[in-house]
Protein backbone atom coordinates (compact mmCIF):
# COMPACT_ATOMS: atom_id res chain seq x y z
CA UNK A 1 -138.48 49.76 112.67
CA UNK A 2 -139.97 47.02 115.23
CA UNK A 3 -140.35 47.96 118.62
CA UNK A 4 -140.96 45.66 121.85
CA UNK A 5 -144.65 46.42 123.46
CA UNK A 6 -145.34 46.41 126.68
CA UNK A 7 -146.93 42.97 126.74
CA UNK A 8 -143.59 41.62 125.07
CA UNK A 9 -141.55 43.42 128.01
CA UNK A 10 -143.63 41.94 130.55
CA UNK A 11 -143.70 38.60 128.95
CA UNK A 12 -139.65 38.44 128.95
CA UNK A 13 -139.88 39.48 132.34
CA UNK A 14 -142.31 36.60 133.71
CA UNK A 15 -140.60 34.06 131.88
CA UNK A 16 -137.29 34.74 133.45
CA UNK A 17 -138.90 35.00 136.92
CA UNK A 18 -140.89 31.77 136.14
CA UNK A 19 -137.49 29.65 135.13
CA UNK A 20 -136.02 31.08 138.86
CA UNK A 21 -139.54 30.42 140.95
CA UNK A 22 -140.15 33.76 141.88
CA UNK A 23 -143.40 35.91 141.11
CA UNK A 24 -143.46 38.73 138.44
CA UNK A 25 -144.60 42.11 139.61
CA UNK A 26 -144.13 45.43 137.94
CA UNK A 27 -142.54 47.55 140.50
CA UNK A 28 -142.82 50.91 138.35
CA UNK A 29 -145.64 51.08 135.81
CA UNK A 30 -144.78 55.16 135.02
CA UNK A 31 -141.11 53.71 133.99
CA UNK A 32 -142.49 50.59 132.08
CA UNK A 33 -144.65 53.06 130.11
CA UNK A 34 -141.94 55.33 129.46
CA UNK A 35 -139.70 52.95 128.41
CA UNK A 36 -142.61 51.96 125.61
CA UNK A 37 -143.35 55.48 124.70
CA UNK A 38 -139.93 57.02 124.49
CA UNK A 39 -138.52 53.88 122.13
CA UNK A 40 -140.45 55.93 119.35
CA UNK A 41 -139.49 59.10 120.52
CA UNK A 42 -138.78 62.03 117.73
CA UNK A 43 -137.28 65.09 117.96
CA UNK A 44 -137.26 68.38 115.53
CA UNK A 45 -138.62 65.44 113.31
CA UNK A 46 -136.09 63.25 113.58
CA UNK A 47 -136.22 59.67 115.25
CA UNK A 48 -134.45 60.00 118.36
CA UNK A 49 -133.35 56.28 118.32
CA UNK A 50 -132.44 55.56 114.25
CA UNK A 51 -130.63 52.68 114.19
CA UNK A 52 -131.32 49.10 115.76
CA UNK A 53 -127.97 49.56 117.54
CA UNK A 54 -129.52 52.55 119.21
CA UNK A 55 -133.07 50.78 119.95
CA UNK A 56 -131.80 48.18 121.44
CA UNK A 57 -129.41 49.98 123.78
CA UNK A 58 -132.38 52.05 124.61
CA UNK A 59 -134.03 49.48 126.20
CA UNK A 60 -131.12 47.31 127.47
CA UNK A 61 -129.72 50.49 129.66
CA UNK A 62 -133.71 51.81 130.62
CA UNK A 63 -134.57 48.64 131.68
CA UNK A 64 -131.56 48.14 134.04
CA UNK A 65 -131.51 51.78 135.02
CA UNK A 66 -135.42 52.37 135.89
CA UNK A 67 -135.68 49.06 137.93
CA UNK A 68 -139.44 48.69 136.43
CA UNK A 69 -139.64 44.83 137.31
CA UNK A 70 -139.46 43.46 141.00
CA UNK A 71 -136.53 41.31 140.35
CA UNK A 72 -134.62 40.31 136.98
CA UNK A 73 -134.44 43.59 135.41
CA UNK A 74 -130.83 43.06 134.13
CA UNK A 75 -131.60 39.80 132.60
CA UNK A 76 -134.66 41.05 131.34
CA UNK A 77 -132.71 44.22 129.49
CA UNK A 78 -130.46 41.26 128.12
CA UNK A 79 -133.13 39.26 126.45
CA UNK A 80 -135.00 42.89 125.30
CA UNK A 81 -131.43 43.56 123.41
CA UNK A 82 -132.21 40.44 121.54
CA UNK A 83 -135.60 40.10 120.80
CA UNK A 84 -135.11 43.94 119.36
CA UNK A 85 -132.13 42.97 117.61
CA UNK A 86 -134.22 39.65 116.07
CA UNK A 87 -137.54 41.49 115.39
CA UNK A 88 -135.31 43.80 113.32
CA UNK A 89 -133.39 40.93 111.70
CA UNK A 90 -130.40 42.17 113.19
CA UNK A 91 -127.35 39.51 112.67
CA UNK A 92 -125.77 38.86 115.72
CA UNK A 93 -122.94 36.39 115.71
CA UNK A 94 -122.27 34.67 119.26
CA UNK A 95 -118.38 35.50 118.94
CA UNK A 96 -115.66 37.76 120.97
CA UNK A 97 -116.37 41.16 119.02
CA UNK A 98 -119.90 41.03 119.53
CA UNK A 99 -120.29 40.23 123.06
CA UNK A 100 -117.73 43.39 123.30
CA UNK A 101 -120.51 45.04 121.51
CA UNK A 102 -122.85 44.34 123.94
CA UNK A 103 -120.35 45.54 126.71
CA UNK A 104 -120.14 48.75 124.93
CA UNK A 105 -124.03 49.21 125.22
CA UNK A 106 -124.06 48.99 128.82
CA UNK A 107 -121.23 51.69 129.10
CA UNK A 108 -122.95 54.24 126.95
CA UNK A 109 -123.50 57.60 127.61
CA UNK A 110 -126.36 57.55 129.67
CA UNK A 111 -127.30 61.46 128.69
CA UNK A 112 -128.67 59.89 125.39
CA UNK A 113 -130.18 56.91 126.71
CA UNK A 114 -131.50 57.29 129.66
CA UNK A 115 -133.87 60.48 130.58
CA UNK A 116 -135.41 61.55 133.86
CA UNK A 117 -139.12 60.80 134.16
């Protein structure tokens, strides 16, 4: 499984903010570190996010909920989701069914994907 690095996540946000003419800043460095480290988490010898969909939804939800950056967190979360899918060779078709799948990621139980610091 391929995971996002801290540099990749920061670069996604910087790219978005440069496009909109704003300056990218990390709002919560601890939350950023949490996201990067927790993606690899194992519990009792089992990977906590075993599928590409689980991992992508973890990044998607946590970048939004943790409000890591000064701006563009939701847009960064969407790009992070697609980057994880691409890094792990997940085939994504831009159709109604696939868009519904992305929507379902947003409403998944926060108990599984969002942890308190």
